Amino acid sequence: FLLLENQTVVEFVLKGFSSIQELNIFLFMMFLVSYILIISGNTLIVLLVLFSHPLHTPMYFFLVNLSSLEMWYTSSIVPKMLLIILARQKTISVAGCLAQFYFFGSLAATECLLLVVMSYDRYLAICQPLHYPILMTGPFCIRLAASSWLCCFLLTTITMTIAYATSSAVTLIPFLFITASYSCILAAILRIPSGTGRQKAFSTCSSHLTVVMVFYGTLIATYLVPSANSSQFLSKGFSLLYTILTPMFNPIIYSLRNRDIHEALKKCLSKKPGFLR
């Protein structure tokens, strides 16, 4: 809904939240706890990688970028949402709405490109292990990460129609590249003669593959399923999946089966000197 002043749109009235105060308090507490978990979980990942020398590798460098992005991505939506849930006047200014749309769209597109970069890193590590140290150098990793951030923030400054077309391309094309990368990775893993070798090779990319499936799964559920069923309730529910749940689960996914993260966390908790070297 729009509030008009002399036929000029001044703010939007948001109708997506309940008018029942008790339900609003429950939603506020649920989203607040989720937001705290997202910030704390991704901050922990960033600190572990920064202060643990064994984690100073391209894979974890990109993971730091992804965790940092998740914090900014969620912060562009959740704090304002928490204020609106408790506010009597559930409105947002036009400028605020456009700014939120810009940052949310840019960060979502950046995540798509970062997932492509991470899949390319895993492709080189598994399919071309001898060339990996030569190809995936520090400066090259920085250029890949910087390009992912800059391209998306520059592309979304254009007009709305072109922005929608660009966002579709930024979503679909990376997905195709990721699919192609993991097809090659799977073929390379299947050629490994020993079962232990196959398991070790797959474990290095299983976390990233899980994150990709969760991220694109929620996007598909958000934009395809609700449109087919014409259900606003489903649309709101699926939107929460990739806005809150996906950033909250990513640190868990990367830490559950990752021995390097486990070792870094143990050194941190035991305060071993090697953690800070």
Protein backbone atom coordinates (compact mmCIF):
# COMPACT_ATOMS: atom_id res chain seq x y z
CA PHE A 1 0.00 0.00 0.00
CA LEU A 2 1.12 3.58 -0.70
CA LEU A 3 0.71 6.83 1.20
CA LEU A 4 0.31 9.74 -1.21
CA GLU A 5 0.98 13.41 -0.68
CA ASN A 6 -0.05 15.64 -3.60
CA GLN A 7 0.03 12.53 -5.82
CA THR A 8 3.62 11.82 -4.80
CA VAL A 9 4.52 8.54 -3.11
CA VAL A 10 6.10 9.33 0.26
CA GLU A 11 6.14 5.95 2.00
CA PHE A 12 4.91 2.37 1.83
CA VAL A 13 2.54 0.83 4.37
CA LEU A 14 3.60 -2.75 5.05
CA LYS A 15 0.78 -5.26 5.57
CA GLY A 16 2.88 -8.39 5.88
CA PHE A 17 2.88 -8.52 9.69
CA SER A 18 0.22 -9.63 12.11
CA SER A 19 -2.05 -7.20 13.99
CA ILE A 20 -2.04 -9.52 17.02
CA GLN A 21 0.41 -8.11 19.58
CA GLU A 22 1.24 -11.47 21.17
CA LEU A 23 2.12 -12.94 17.78
CA ASN A 24 4.26 -9.91 16.95
CA ILE A 25 6.23 -10.38 20.18
CA PHE A 26 6.81 -14.05 19.30
CA LEU A 27 7.93 -13.12 15.78
CA PHE A 28 10.22 -10.42 17.16
CA MET A 29 11.91 -12.81 19.57
CA MET A 30 12.27 -15.53 16.92
CA PHE A 31 13.82 -13.17 14.36
CA LEU A 32 16.04 -11.53 16.98
CA VAL A 33 17.45 -14.87 18.13
CA SER A 34 17.98 -15.93 14.52
CA TYR A 35 19.78 -12.67 13.75
CA ILE A 36 22.06 -13.05 16.78
CA LEU A 37 22.90 -16.62 15.71
CA ILE A 38 23.67 -15.46 12.17
CA ILE A 39 26.01 -12.68 13.30
CA SER A 40 27.75 -14.76 15.98
CA GLY A 41 28.11 -17.89 13.82
CA ASN A 42 29.53 -16.08 10.79
CA THR A 43 31.75 -13.88 12.98
CA LEU A 44 33.19 -17.02 14.55
CA ILE A 45 34.00 -18.43 11.11
CA VAL A 46 35.73 -15.18 10.09
CA LEU A 47 37.80 -14.99 13.30
CA LEU A 48 38.82 -18.65 13.15
CA VAL A 49 40.10 -18.24 9.60
CA LEU A 50 41.86 -14.94 10.28
CA PHE A 51 43.73 -16.12 13.38
CA SER A 52 44.47 -19.72 12.41
CA HIS A 53 47.43 -20.02 10.05
CA PRO A 54 46.49 -23.50 8.67
CA LEU A 55 43.25 -21.97 7.39
CA HIS A 56 45.05 -19.37 5.29
CA THR A 57 44.16 -21.08 2.02
CA PRO A 58 42.05 -19.99 -0.98
CA MET A 59 39.08 -22.11 0.10
CA TYR A 60 38.85 -20.44 3.51
CA PHE A 61 39.60 -17.01 2.07
CA PHE A 62 36.45 -17.34 -0.02
CA LEU A 63 34.60 -18.70 3.00
CA VAL A 64 35.48 -15.51 4.92
CA ASN A 65 34.02 -13.50 2.05
CA LEU A 66 30.85 -15.61 2.09
CA SER A 67 30.45 -15.32 5.87
CA SER A 68 31.01 -11.55 5.74
CA LEU A 69 28.45 -11.28 2.96
CA GLU A 70 25.89 -13.28 4.95
CA MET A 71 26.17 -10.80 7.84
CA TRP A 72 25.69 -7.78 5.57
CA TYR A 73 22.98 -9.60 3.61
CA THR A 74 20.89 -10.28 6.70
CA SER A 75 21.61 -6.88 8.25
CA SER A 76 20.10 -5.16 5.22
CA ILE A 77 16.70 -6.69 6.08
CA VAL A 78 16.32 -8.00 9.63
CA PRO A 79 17.02 -4.90 11.82
CA LYS A 80 14.42 -2.86 9.92
CA MET A 81 12.02 -5.80 10.05
CA LEU A 82 12.41 -6.02 13.83
CA LEU A 83 11.58 -2.32 14.18
CA ILE A 84 8.52 -2.63 11.95
CA ILE A 85 7.18 -5.64 13.87
CA LEU A 86 7.04 -3.63 17.11
CA ALA A 87 6.07 -0.27 15.56
CA ARG A 88 2.47 0.91 15.50
CA GLN A 89 2.95 2.61 12.14
CA LYS A 90 4.33 -0.15 9.92
CA THR A 91 5.73 2.04 7.17
CA ILE A 92 8.95 2.51 5.26
CA SER A 93 9.98 5.55 3.26
CA VAL A 94 10.48 5.33 -0.48
CA ALA A 95 14.16 6.17 -0.11
CA GLY A 96 14.56 3.54 2.60
CA CYS A 97 12.77 0.93 0.50
CA LEU A 98 14.93 1.64 -2.55
CA ALA A 99 18.12 1.54 -0.48
CA GLN A 100 17.07 -1.75 1.06
CA PHE A 101 16.21 -3.17 -2.36
CA TYR A 102 19.58 -2.07 -3.76
CA PHE A 103 21.72 -3.58 -1.00
CA PHE A 104 19.65 -6.75 -0.69
CA GLY A 105 19.70 -7.37 -4.46
CA SER A 106 23.39 -6.55 -4.77
CA LEU A 107 24.37 -8.84 -1.91
CA ALA A 108 22.18 -11.69 -3.18
CA ALA A 109 23.79 -11.40 -6.62
CA THR A 110 27.24 -11.25 -5.02
CA GLU A 111 26.51 -14.50 -3.18
CA CYS A 112 25.69 -16.18 -6.50
CA LEU A 113 29.07 -15.14 -7.92
CA LEU A 114 30.97 -16.09 -4.77
CA LEU A 115 29.43 -19.57 -4.91
CA VAL A 116 30.69 -19.83 -8.50
CA VAL A 117 34.18 -18.76 -7.44
CA MET A 118 34.17 -21.33 -4.64
CA SER A 119 33.05 -24.08 -7.02
CA TYR A 120 35.86 -23.08 -9.42
CA ASP A 121 38.33 -23.31 -6.53
CA ARG A 122 37.11 -26.84 -5.71
CA TYR A 123 37.23 -27.77 -9.41
CA LEU A 124 40.91 -26.79 -9.65
CA ALA A 125 41.76 -28.48 -6.34
CA ILE A 126 40.24 -31.82 -7.37
CA CYS A 127 40.50 -31.90 -11.16
CA GLN A 128 43.86 -30.12 -11.54
CA PRO A 129 45.67 -30.62 -8.21
CA LEU A 130 49.18 -30.19 -9.68
CA HIS A 131 48.31 -26.82 -11.21
CA TYR A 132 46.23 -25.63 -8.25
CA PRO A 133 49.06 -23.86 -6.28
CA ILE A 134 50.18 -22.10 -9.46
CA LEU A 135 46.73 -21.01 -10.63
CA MET A 136 45.04 -20.15 -7.33
CA THR A 137 47.53 -17.60 -6.01
CA GLY A 138 46.82 -14.96 -3.38
CA PRO A 139 46.49 -12.01 -5.80
CA PHE A 140 44.27 -14.06 -8.11
CA CYS A 141 41.98 -14.99 -5.20
CA ILE A 142 41.70 -11.33 -4.22
CA ARG A 143 40.81 -10.36 -7.79
CA LEU A 144 38.14 -13.06 -7.97
CA ALA A 145 36.55 -11.99 -4.69
CA ALA A 146 36.77 -8.27 -5.48
CA SER A 147 35.21 -8.82 -8.91
CA SER A 148 32.29 -10.67 -7.35
CA TRP A 149 31.56 -7.78 -5.01
CA LEU A 150 32.13 -4.91 -7.42
CA CYS A 151 30.30 -6.34 -10.44
CA CYS A 152 27.03 -6.92 -8.60
CA PHE A 153 27.01 -3.57 -6.79
CA LEU A 154 27.65 -1.75 -10.07
CA LEU A 155 25.13 -3.74 -12.10
CA THR A 156 22.22 -3.04 -9.74
CA THR A 157 22.61 0.79 -10.02
CA ILE A 158 20.83 0.74 -13.41
CA THR A 159 17.12 1.03 -14.18
CA MET A 160 14.57 -1.31 -12.58
CA THR A 161 13.72 -3.26 -15.75
CA ILE A 162 17.35 -3.88 -16.64
CA ALA A 163 18.09 -4.70 -13.01
CA TYR A 164 15.52 -7.49 -13.04
CA ALA A 165 16.98 -8.90 -16.27
CA THR A 166 20.50 -8.63 -14.85
CA SER A 167 19.51 -10.32 -11.60
CA SER A 168 18.00 -13.21 -13.54
CA ALA A 169 21.21 -13.62 -15.52
CA VAL A 170 23.35 -13.31 -12.39
CA THR A 171 21.28 -16.06 -10.79
CA LEU A 172 20.94 -18.50 -13.70
CA ILE A 173 24.39 -18.28 -15.31
CA PRO A 174 26.28 -18.93 -12.04
CA PHE A 175 24.02 -21.90 -11.36
CA LEU A 176 24.92 -23.37 -14.77
CA PHE A 177 28.64 -22.82 -14.09
CA ILE A 178 28.33 -24.47 -10.67
CA THR A 179 26.50 -27.43 -12.21
CA ALA A 180 29.21 -27.81 -14.86
CA SER A 181 32.00 -27.56 -12.25
CA TYR A 182 30.49 -30.23 -10.03
CA SER A 183 29.83 -32.49 -12.99
CA CYS A 184 33.58 -32.40 -13.70
CA ILE A 185 34.36 -32.81 -10.00
CA LEU A 186 32.08 -35.84 -9.71
CA ALA A 187 33.64 -37.42 -12.79
CA ALA A 188 37.13 -36.85 -11.36
CA ILE A 189 36.15 -38.31 -7.98
CA LEU A 190 34.69 -41.42 -9.58
CA ARG A 191 38.00 -42.02 -11.37
CA ILE A 192 39.89 -42.19 -8.06
CA PRO A 193 40.67 -45.91 -7.51
CA SER A 194 40.50 -46.09 -3.70
CA GLY A 195 37.36 -45.58 -1.66
CA THR A 196 39.29 -43.59 0.94
CA GLY A 197 40.59 -41.24 -1.73
CA ARG A 198 37.11 -40.72 -3.13
CA GLN A 199 35.72 -39.98 0.30
CA LYS A 200 38.51 -37.52 1.09
CA ALA A 201 38.08 -35.72 -2.24
CA PHE A 202 34.32 -35.46 -1.84
CA SER A 203 34.59 -34.20 1.75
CA THR A 204 36.55 -31.15 0.55
CA CYS A 205 33.58 -29.93 -1.49
CA SER A 206 30.55 -31.44 0.27
CA SER A 207 30.00 -28.41 2.52
CA HIS A 208 30.04 -25.98 -0.40
CA LEU A 209 27.75 -28.23 -2.42
CA THR A 210 25.28 -28.36 0.48
CA VAL A 211 25.29 -24.55 0.74
CA VAL A 212 24.65 -24.27 -3.00
CA MET A 213 21.74 -26.69 -2.82
CA VAL A 214 20.19 -24.85 0.15
CA PHE A 215 20.66 -21.42 -1.43
CA TYR A 216 19.30 -22.26 -4.88
CA GLY A 217 16.67 -24.57 -3.42
CA THR A 218 15.16 -21.73 -1.41
CA LEU A 219 15.33 -19.38 -4.40
CA ILE A 220 13.49 -21.89 -6.59
CA ALA A 221 10.92 -22.49 -3.85
CA THR A 222 10.42 -18.75 -3.41
CA TYR A 223 9.96 -17.74 -7.03
CA LEU A 224 8.44 -20.82 -8.63
CA VAL A 225 6.25 -22.62 -6.07
CA PRO A 226 4.30 -19.59 -4.79
CA SER A 227 3.64 -18.30 -8.32
CA ALA A 228 2.13 -21.65 -9.24
CA ASN A 229 -0.10 -21.81 -6.14
CA SER A 230 -0.81 -18.04 -5.90
CA SER A 231 -0.24 -18.17 -2.16
CA GLN A 232 1.02 -15.05 -0.39
CA PHE A 233 1.52 -17.05 2.80
CA LEU A 234 3.90 -19.46 1.05
CA SER A 235 5.71 -16.56 -0.59
CA LYS A 236 6.38 -14.93 2.78
CA GLY A 237 7.48 -18.23 4.29
CA PHE A 238 9.91 -19.08 1.50
CA SER A 239 11.28 -15.53 1.52
CA LEU A 240 12.24 -16.02 5.16
CA LEU A 241 14.13 -19.17 4.19
CA TYR A 242 16.81 -17.45 2.12
CA THR A 243 16.71 -14.21 4.15
CA ILE A 244 17.24 -15.74 7.60
CA LEU A 245 17.53 -19.52 7.66
CA THR A 246 20.13 -19.93 4.90
CA PRO A 247 22.63 -17.43 6.44
CA MET A 248 22.05 -19.07 9.84
CA PHE A 249 22.70 -22.62 8.59
CA ASN A 250 25.80 -21.85 6.50
CA PRO A 251 28.24 -21.66 9.48
CA ILE A 252 26.74 -24.89 10.81
CA ILE A 253 27.12 -26.63 7.45
CA TYR A 254 30.76 -25.57 7.11
CA SER A 255 31.67 -26.54 10.67
CA LEU A 256 29.92 -29.90 11.10
CA ARG A 257 32.16 -32.01 8.84
CA ASN A 258 35.17 -29.73 8.52
CA ARG A 259 38.17 -31.04 10.43
CA ASP A 260 40.21 -27.89 9.83
CA ILE A 261 37.51 -25.74 11.43
CA HIS A 262 37.26 -28.23 14.31
CA GLU A 263 41.01 -28.08 14.94
CA ALA A 264 41.08 -24.28 14.78
CA LEU A 265 38.18 -24.10 17.23
CA LYS A 266 39.92 -26.53 19.62
CA LYS A 267 43.09 -24.43 19.55
CA CYS A 268 41.03 -21.33 20.20
CA LEU A 269 39.20 -22.87 23.17
CA SER A 270 42.38 -24.34 24.62
CA LYS A 271 44.24 -21.06 24.00
CA LYS A 272 47.17 -22.78 22.35
CA PRO A 273 49.84 -20.36 21.08
CA GLY A 274 49.66 -21.89 17.59
CA PHE A 275 46.21 -20.44 17.11
CA LEU A 276 47.55 -16.89 16.95
CA ARG A 277 50.52 -17.67 14.75
